[in-house]
Amino acid sequence: MKKLPCLLYRSPGGHVMPGLDAPTYDYIGVATEDDYRARLAQGWFETRDQAIGRAGAEKAVEAADALHDAVDEIEKPARKALEAEARALGVSFNWKTSDQALAERIAAKKD
């Protein structure tokens, strides 16, 4: 535990770090151990860097989730279309057959 009184931080907030596209943070003073523990439980951090790092990590996770969802939206219909075309042409495949291999088998069947 930090020596009291002290400051605790969270991000985002009303204060801006210097630099381009800089992260924001907020801070609050705490004087008692009870207030200190309560603020930590509410998502405050002992250092500004911890608070900003946490906010940055959350943004990265959100961006990764959004990318994963976007890729799923593209891949699933594409795979279904390949499978439908393969069935129409009588091309054999199973769940282990990669999209690339399936596309090559379809192309070979069309030739």
Protein backbone atom coordinates (compact mmCIF):
# COMPACT_ATOMS: atom_id res chain seq x y z
CA MET A 1 0.00 0.00 0.00
CA LYS A 2 1.13 3.53 -0.73
CA LYS A 3 1.89 6.00 1.97
CA LEU A 4 -1.23 8.06 2.69
CA PRO A 5 -2.36 10.62 1.68
CA CYS A 6 -1.75 9.83 -1.99
CA LEU A 7 -3.17 10.17 -5.49
CA LEU A 8 -4.91 7.42 -7.46
CA TYR A 9 -5.47 7.42 -11.22
CA ARG A 10 -7.86 6.10 -13.86
CA SER A 11 -8.14 6.40 -17.61
CA PRO A 12 -9.80 7.84 -19.59
CA GLY A 13 -10.26 11.13 -17.82
CA GLY A 14 -10.18 14.89 -18.09
CA HIS A 15 -6.40 15.38 -18.17
CA VAL A 16 -4.39 14.91 -21.35
CA MET A 17 -0.83 13.58 -21.56
CA PRO A 18 1.49 15.62 -23.76
CA GLY A 19 1.90 14.44 -27.36
CA LEU A 20 -0.16 13.54 -30.40
CA ASP A 21 -3.16 11.28 -29.89
CA ALA A 22 -2.27 11.27 -26.21
CA PRO A 23 -4.18 9.23 -23.66
CA THR A 24 -6.26 10.92 -21.01
CA TYR A 25 -6.44 10.26 -17.29
CA ASP A 26 -8.05 11.46 -14.10
CA TYR A 27 -6.76 11.52 -10.55
CA ILE A 28 -8.15 11.75 -7.06
CA GLY A 29 -6.63 12.26 -3.65
CA VAL A 30 -7.24 9.71 -0.91
CA ALA A 31 -6.41 10.21 2.75
CA THR A 32 -7.72 7.12 4.55
CA GLU A 33 -7.04 3.42 4.13
CA ASP A 34 -10.76 2.71 3.68
CA ASP A 35 -11.06 5.29 0.90
CA TYR A 36 -7.85 3.96 -0.68
CA ARG A 37 -9.15 0.36 -0.78
CA ALA A 38 -12.60 1.44 -1.96
CA ARG A 39 -11.14 3.45 -4.86
CA LEU A 40 -8.90 0.55 -5.92
CA ALA A 41 -11.96 -1.69 -5.94
CA GLN A 42 -13.73 0.87 -8.18
CA GLY A 43 -10.99 0.64 -10.83
CA TRP A 44 -8.52 3.32 -9.75
CA PHE A 45 -4.76 2.60 -9.94
CA GLU A 46 -1.71 3.59 -7.92
CA THR A 47 0.11 5.07 -10.92
CA ARG A 48 -0.93 7.00 -13.99
CA ASP A 49 0.94 4.54 -16.20
CA GLN A 50 -1.02 1.60 -14.78
CA ALA A 51 -4.31 3.38 -15.44
CA ILE A 52 -3.36 4.36 -18.99
CA GLY A 53 -1.94 0.91 -19.70
CA ARG A 54 -5.15 -0.73 -18.58
CA ALA A 55 -7.25 1.56 -20.76
CA GLY A 56 -4.92 0.90 -23.71
CA ALA A 57 -5.12 -2.84 -23.16
CA GLU A 58 -8.92 -2.69 -23.08
CA LYS A 59 -8.94 -0.75 -26.38
CA ALA A 60 -6.59 -3.32 -27.94
CA VAL A 61 -8.83 -6.19 -26.81
CA GLU A 62 -11.91 -4.42 -28.20
CA ALA A 63 -10.15 -3.83 -31.52
CA ALA A 64 -9.03 -7.47 -31.70
CA ASP A 65 -12.56 -8.67 -30.95
CA ALA A 66 -13.98 -6.40 -33.66
CA LEU A 67 -11.40 -7.67 -36.17
CA HIS A 68 -12.18 -11.28 -35.25
CA ASP A 69 -15.90 -10.65 -35.73
CA ALA A 70 -15.26 -8.98 -39.10
CA VAL A 71 -13.11 -11.88 -40.28
CA ASP A 72 -15.80 -14.36 -39.19
CA GLU A 73 -18.41 -12.43 -41.15
CA ILE A 74 -16.25 -12.69 -44.27
CA GLU A 75 -14.92 -16.23 -43.85
CA LYS A 76 -18.12 -18.11 -43.00
CA PRO A 77 -20.11 -17.04 -46.08
CA ALA A 78 -17.06 -17.60 -48.30
CA ARG A 79 -16.63 -21.15 -46.96
CA LYS A 80 -20.34 -21.86 -47.39
CA ALA A 81 -20.19 -20.65 -50.99
CA LEU A 82 -17.17 -22.87 -51.69
CA GLU A 83 -18.90 -25.87 -50.16
CA ALA A 84 -22.08 -25.24 -52.16
CA GLU A 85 -20.11 -24.96 -55.40
CA ALA A 86 -18.12 -28.12 -54.57
CA ARG A 87 -21.32 -30.06 -53.93
CA ALA A 88 -22.83 -28.82 -57.21
CA LEU A 89 -19.73 -29.98 -59.10
CA GLY A 90 -19.40 -33.25 -57.20
CA VAL A 91 -16.07 -32.31 -55.62
CA SER A 92 -15.26 -34.31 -52.50
CA PHE A 93 -14.20 -32.52 -49.31
CA ASN A 94 -14.54 -32.71 -45.54
CA TRP A 95 -14.06 -30.42 -42.55
CA LYS A 96 -10.29 -30.91 -42.76
CA THR A 97 -10.13 -29.58 -46.33
CA SER A 98 -8.76 -26.03 -46.30
CA ASP A 99 -10.47 -23.25 -48.22
CA GLN A 100 -7.43 -23.05 -50.50
CA ALA A 101 -7.47 -26.77 -51.25
CA LEU A 102 -11.21 -26.73 -51.84
CA ALA A 103 -10.90 -23.78 -54.23
CA GLU A 104 -8.13 -25.62 -56.11
CA ARG A 105 -10.27 -28.79 -56.40
CA ILE A 106 -13.17 -26.73 -57.72
CA ALA A 107 -10.92 -24.98 -60.24
CA ALA A 108 -9.50 -28.35 -61.39
CA LYS A 109 -13.00 -29.78 -61.78
CA LYS A 110 -14.07 -26.78 -63.90
CA ASP A 111 -11.11 -27.23 -66.29
